[in-house]
Amino acid sequence: MLEFQRSLRPVAISGLLLVAAGGLAACGVFASDPRSVARSFWSAVEAEDFEAARSASTSTDLRRLEEVKRASDGFEASFGEAISNDETARVPTTFVDLEGNAFEFDTHLTHLDGEWRVDAALTHSELRQAAFAASLRDARDALGEAGRVLGEAIEEGAREATRAMRDALEELEGAEREGREL
């Protein structure tokens, strides 16, 4: 019986280690799916924890990560489902600011040494392009609103001018019928 208990000990320890590793993986400690890595990267950038961001990315350049932080400052991120193959992945990412303005881009990842890492250069480039496109849309919308307001003002001015001309014509016709001059 004692021999049987000793032989079970390594199995029990292995089982406990397996359960513990599974628990850690579920908590994201060993996050290996692209979406979890993207979320970890953006959380680290948001917190200005550039060492953690660096460990989740392909970049070793602290300046690049600081640029990513400046470009993403003031936005809350949400993530779609990852689209991946064996070597690369992209995670649809949406940034929303405090006013509810949103823009979308992909967080790009590369599979290196058995781990997913955010391709900081490609993601930063796409982030800047998406932010620029969003600012152009905002400008277009603002100009569109200004154009609508201007158009309404011109329309109202035209209606007033038409009323004034109609009133003047009626007065002129009335004066003509009565034979008086204006």
Protein backbone atom coordinates (compact mmCIF):
# COMPACT_ATOMS: atom_id res chain seq x y z
CA MET A 1 0.00 0.00 0.00
CA LEU A 2 2.81 2.39 0.88
CA GLU A 3 4.46 1.64 -2.47
CA PHE A 4 1.18 2.38 -4.29
CA GLN A 5 0.87 5.77 -2.52
CA ARG A 6 4.44 6.70 -3.48
CA SER A 7 3.77 5.86 -7.12
CA LEU A 8 0.71 8.14 -7.11
CA ARG A 9 2.62 11.11 -5.72
CA PRO A 10 4.28 12.13 -9.06
CA VAL A 11 0.94 11.72 -10.83
CA ALA A 12 -0.81 13.90 -8.25
CA ILE A 13 1.91 16.55 -8.43
CA SER A 14 1.77 16.52 -12.24
CA GLY A 15 -1.98 16.87 -12.09
CA LEU A 16 -1.76 19.83 -9.72
CA LEU A 17 0.83 21.50 -11.91
CA LEU A 18 -1.37 20.97 -14.96
CA VAL A 19 -4.41 22.46 -13.17
CA ALA A 20 -2.31 25.43 -11.95
CA ALA A 21 -0.92 26.05 -15.43
CA GLY A 22 -4.42 25.90 -16.86
CA GLY A 23 -5.59 28.40 -14.27
CA LEU A 24 -2.73 30.76 -15.07
CA ALA A 25 -3.44 30.47 -18.78
CA ALA A 26 -7.11 31.22 -18.16
CA CYS A 27 -6.07 34.36 -16.26
CA GLY A 28 -4.01 35.50 -19.22
CA VAL A 29 -0.59 34.95 -17.65
CA PHE A 30 0.42 32.76 -20.59
CA ALA A 31 -1.81 34.55 -23.12
CA SER A 32 -0.87 33.17 -26.49
CA ASP A 33 -3.86 34.07 -28.63
CA PRO A 34 -3.57 37.24 -30.74
CA ARG A 35 -6.59 38.97 -29.22
CA SER A 36 -5.25 38.57 -25.65
CA VAL A 37 -1.83 39.80 -26.70
CA ALA A 38 -3.37 42.82 -28.46
CA ARG A 39 -5.44 43.61 -25.37
CA SER A 40 -2.35 43.27 -23.13
CA PHE A 41 -0.29 45.47 -25.44
CA TRP A 42 -2.87 48.28 -25.54
CA SER A 43 -3.44 48.04 -21.77
CA ALA A 44 0.30 48.41 -21.21
CA VAL A 45 0.48 51.37 -23.61
CA GLU A 46 -2.49 53.01 -21.88
CA ALA A 47 -0.79 52.57 -18.49
CA GLU A 48 2.50 53.85 -19.96
CA ASP A 49 4.09 50.55 -18.93
CA PHE A 50 6.45 50.54 -21.88
CA GLU A 51 8.43 47.55 -20.61
CA ALA A 52 5.28 45.42 -20.68
CA ALA A 53 4.32 46.89 -24.07
CA ARG A 54 7.81 46.13 -25.35
CA SER A 55 7.58 42.52 -24.16
CA ALA A 56 4.25 42.12 -26.00
CA SER A 57 5.55 43.66 -29.23
CA THR A 58 8.20 43.32 -31.89
CA SER A 59 9.58 46.76 -31.06
CA THR A 60 12.54 47.37 -28.81
CA ASP A 61 12.38 51.09 -29.59
CA LEU A 62 10.99 52.97 -26.61
CA ARG A 63 10.40 56.08 -28.77
CA ARG A 64 8.12 54.09 -31.09
CA LEU A 65 6.05 52.93 -28.13
CA GLU A 66 5.84 56.49 -26.80
CA GLU A 67 4.62 57.60 -30.26
CA VAL A 68 2.01 54.84 -30.16
CA LYS A 69 0.92 56.15 -26.74
CA ARG A 70 0.60 59.73 -28.04
CA ALA A 71 -1.41 58.54 -31.04
CA SER A 72 -3.74 56.48 -28.85
CA ASP A 73 -4.05 58.89 -25.91
CA GLY A 74 -7.59 59.65 -24.79
CA PHE A 75 -9.19 56.64 -26.45
CA GLU A 76 -10.77 53.51 -25.05
CA ALA A 77 -10.03 50.36 -27.04
CA SER A 78 -12.23 47.39 -27.88
CA PHE A 79 -11.23 44.33 -29.83
CA GLY A 80 -12.85 42.06 -32.37
CA GLU A 81 -12.03 38.45 -33.09
CA ALA A 82 -8.54 37.76 -34.38
CA ILE A 83 -7.98 36.71 -37.97
CA SER A 84 -4.79 34.67 -38.17
CA ASN A 85 -2.68 32.14 -39.96
CA ASP A 86 0.47 30.42 -38.69
CA GLU A 87 2.70 33.50 -39.02
CA THR A 88 0.58 36.64 -38.79
CA ALA A 89 -2.64 37.86 -37.26
CA ARG A 90 -4.72 40.97 -37.15
CA VAL A 91 -7.15 41.99 -34.47
CA PRO A 92 -9.84 44.51 -35.45
CA THR A 93 -9.43 47.34 -32.96
CA THR A 94 -11.81 50.21 -32.30
CA PHE A 95 -10.80 53.36 -30.45
CA VAL A 96 -13.55 55.57 -29.00
CA ASP A 97 -12.93 58.99 -27.45
CA LEU A 98 -14.91 60.67 -24.66
CA GLU A 99 -17.32 62.28 -27.15
CA GLY A 100 -18.13 58.89 -28.67
CA ASN A 101 -16.12 59.45 -31.87
CA ALA A 102 -14.71 56.16 -33.07
CA PHE A 103 -12.27 54.87 -35.62
CA GLU A 104 -11.18 51.38 -36.52
CA PHE A 105 -7.87 49.85 -37.50
CA ASP A 106 -6.13 46.50 -37.14
CA THR A 107 -3.61 45.61 -34.47
CA HIS A 108 -1.10 43.49 -36.41
CA LEU A 109 0.74 40.60 -34.81
CA THR A 110 3.57 38.29 -35.80
CA HIS A 111 4.22 34.82 -34.45
CA LEU A 112 7.82 34.78 -33.16
CA ASP A 113 9.51 32.05 -31.14
CA GLY A 114 6.18 30.42 -30.36
CA GLU A 115 4.54 33.64 -29.12
CA TRP A 116 2.33 36.27 -30.67
CA ARG A 117 3.81 39.78 -30.62
CA VAL A 118 2.27 43.04 -31.76
CA ASP A 119 4.00 44.40 -34.87
CA ALA A 120 4.37 47.87 -33.39
CA ALA A 121 5.60 49.58 -36.58
CA LEU A 122 2.78 48.26 -38.80
CA THR A 123 0.14 48.80 -36.12
CA HIS A 124 1.37 52.36 -35.44
CA SER A 125 1.29 53.15 -39.15
CA GLU A 126 -2.25 51.84 -39.51
CA LEU A 127 -3.33 53.64 -36.33
CA ARG A 128 -2.03 56.97 -37.69
CA GLN A 129 -3.74 56.41 -41.06
CA ALA A 130 -7.04 55.54 -39.37
CA ALA A 131 -6.82 58.55 -37.05
CA PHE A 132 -6.07 60.83 -40.01
CA ALA A 133 -9.00 59.41 -41.99
CA ALA A 134 -11.26 59.90 -38.95
CA SER A 135 -10.15 63.53 -38.60
CA LEU A 136 -10.89 64.10 -42.30
CA ARG A 137 -14.36 62.57 -41.81
CA ASP A 138 -14.91 64.83 -38.81
CA ALA A 139 -13.81 67.87 -40.84
CA ARG A 140 -16.07 66.83 -43.71
CA ASP A 141 -18.98 66.39 -41.32
CA ALA A 142 -18.28 69.77 -39.72
CA LEU A 143 -18.06 71.41 -43.13
CA GLY A 144 -21.15 69.53 -44.17
CA GLU A 145 -22.98 70.97 -41.17
CA ALA A 146 -21.60 74.43 -41.92
CA GLY A 147 -22.66 74.02 -45.55
CA ARG A 148 -26.15 72.97 -44.44
CA VAL A 149 -26.43 75.99 -42.11
CA LEU A 150 -25.09 78.30 -44.83
CA GLY A 151 -27.51 76.81 -47.35
CA GLU A 152 -30.43 77.35 -44.97
CA ALA A 153 -29.33 80.97 -44.39
CA ILE A 154 -29.10 81.58 -48.16
CA GLU A 155 -32.52 79.99 -48.64
CA GLU A 156 -34.07 82.17 -45.94
CA GLY A 157 -32.39 85.25 -47.43
CA ALA A 158 -33.78 84.34 -50.85
CA ARG A 159 -37.28 83.93 -49.38
CA GLU A 160 -37.03 87.34 -47.69
CA ALA A 161 -35.75 88.94 -50.90
CA THR A 162 -38.62 87.34 -52.85
CA ARG A 163 -41.18 88.64 -50.32
CA ALA A 164 -39.65 92.13 -50.44
CA MET A 165 -39.70 92.14 -54.27
CA ARG A 166 -43.29 90.85 -54.32
CA ASP A 167 -44.34 93.56 -51.86
CA ALA A 168 -42.55 96.23 -53.93
CA LEU A 169 -44.18 94.97 -57.17
CA GLU A 170 -47.62 94.95 -55.57
CA GLU A 171 -47.11 98.50 -54.36
CA LEU A 172 -45.85 99.54 -57.79
CA GLU A 173 -48.84 97.89 -59.52
CA GLY A 174 -51.22 99.52 -57.03
CA ALA A 175 -49.64 102.91 -57.64
CA GLU A 176 -49.82 102.38 -61.40
CA ARG A 177 -53.55 101.53 -61.19
CA GLU A 178 -54.20 104.62 -59.16
CA GLY A 179 -52.08 106.72 -61.49
CA ARG A 180 -49.66 107.91 -58.91
CA GLU A 181 -45.90 107.88 -58.93
CA LEU A 182 -43.69 106.33 -56.33
